């Protein structure tokens, strides 16, 4: 069963460009290395709020994402760029 994730990302004011660079580098690594990932896309609304939209083939692929070397290596790159923890919503894909 496919798993969708929407993560609201709380980016520090004035750090948006630096955040986007780091996140887009991570997204490229996810797309290149995670066969069970179908979508890993950074979005921004008109008010400057960021969301990651993610789609995985199953729960195991989502777990593998969190344990991947590229995901773990990206953590320190976000230091000082975030204004708080992400708000993560995980859902089953119905259709």
Protein backbone atom coordinates (compact mmCIF):
# COMPACT_ATOMS: atom_id res chain seq x y z
CA UNK A 1 0.00 0.00 0.00
CA UNK A 2 1.39 3.41 -1.00
CA UNK A 3 2.19 6.01 1.64
CA UNK A 4 1.90 9.78 1.12
CA UNK A 5 3.70 12.30 3.32
CA UNK A 6 3.17 16.04 3.51
CA UNK A 7 5.74 17.88 5.59
CA UNK A 8 5.22 21.53 6.49
CA UNK A 9 8.71 22.98 6.81
CA UNK A 10 9.34 25.88 9.16
CA UNK A 11 12.15 27.81 7.48
CA UNK A 12 13.96 30.60 9.33
CA UNK A 13 13.31 34.09 7.97
CA UNK A 14 16.06 35.23 5.64
CA UNK A 15 17.32 31.68 5.08
CA UNK A 16 14.93 30.72 2.29
CA UNK A 17 17.43 30.67 -0.60
CA UNK A 18 19.96 28.65 1.39
CA UNK A 19 17.22 26.25 2.53
CA UNK A 20 15.98 25.75 -1.04
CA UNK A 21 19.50 24.91 -2.23
CA UNK A 22 19.99 22.26 0.46
CA UNK A 23 16.49 20.80 0.03
CA UNK A 24 16.76 20.62 -3.76
CA UNK A 25 20.11 18.82 -3.42
CA UNK A 26 18.44 16.29 -1.12
CA UNK A 27 15.49 15.90 -3.51
CA UNK A 28 17.87 15.11 -6.37
CA UNK A 29 19.55 12.43 -4.24
CA UNK A 30 16.20 10.92 -3.25
CA UNK A 31 15.04 10.76 -6.87
CA UNK A 32 18.32 9.23 -8.03
CA UNK A 33 18.73 6.64 -5.27
CA UNK A 34 15.35 5.61 -3.86
CA UNK A 35 13.47 3.27 -6.20
CA UNK A 36 10.48 3.12 -3.83
CA UNK A 37 10.02 6.89 -3.87
CA UNK A 38 7.61 8.18 -6.51
CA UNK A 39 7.46 11.88 -5.53
CA UNK A 40 9.73 14.14 -3.48
CA UNK A 41 8.83 17.69 -4.39
CA UNK A 42 9.40 21.02 -2.65
CA UNK A 43 6.51 23.48 -2.91
CA UNK A 44 6.02 27.06 -1.70
CA UNK A 45 2.77 29.01 -1.39
CA UNK A 46 2.22 32.72 -2.06
CA UNK A 47 2.94 33.51 1.61
CA UNK A 48 6.36 31.82 1.50
CA UNK A 49 5.34 28.67 3.40
CA UNK A 50 7.14 25.48 2.34
CA UNK A 51 5.79 21.94 1.96
CA UNK A 52 7.43 18.72 0.88
CA UNK A 53 5.11 16.35 -0.95
CA UNK A 54 6.33 12.76 -0.81
CA UNK A 55 5.00 9.46 -2.13
CA UNK A 56 6.42 6.01 -1.38
CA UNK A 57 5.47 2.57 -2.69
CA UNK A 58 5.07 1.25 0.86
CA UNK A 59 5.98 1.78 4.51
CA UNK A 60 9.29 -0.05 4.07
CA UNK A 61 10.36 2.42 1.37
CA UNK A 62 9.43 5.33 3.63
CA UNK A 63 11.49 3.80 6.44
CA UNK A 64 14.42 3.26 4.06
CA UNK A 65 14.25 6.94 3.10
CA UNK A 66 14.81 7.96 6.71
CA UNK A 67 17.76 5.58 7.03
CA UNK A 68 19.42 6.47 3.73
CA UNK A 69 22.95 7.88 3.75
CA UNK A 70 21.94 10.95 1.74
CA UNK A 71 19.06 11.76 4.12
CA UNK A 72 21.28 11.38 7.19
CA UNK A 73 24.04 13.46 5.57
CA UNK A 74 21.59 16.28 4.81
CA UNK A 75 20.66 16.83 8.46
CA UNK A 76 23.65 18.97 9.43
CA UNK A 77 23.22 21.06 6.26
CA UNK A 78 19.85 22.28 7.58
CA UNK A 79 21.43 23.60 10.81
CA UNK A 80 20.50 27.26 11.24
CA UNK A 81 18.03 27.17 8.36
CA UNK A 82 14.99 25.93 10.25
CA UNK A 83 12.75 27.85 12.67
CA UNK A 84 11.32 24.68 14.21
CA UNK A 85 10.57 21.04 13.65
CA UNK A 86 8.62 20.03 10.56
CA UNK A 87 4.93 19.21 10.89
CA UNK A 88 4.54 15.82 9.25
CA UNK A 89 1.30 14.27 8.05
CA UNK A 90 1.46 10.63 6.90
CA UNK A 91 -1.44 9.08 4.97
CA UNK A 92 -2.46 5.90 3.17
CA UNK A 93 -3.04 6.39 -0.53
CA UNK A 94 -6.59 5.31 -1.38
CA UNK A 95 -6.57 5.80 -5.13
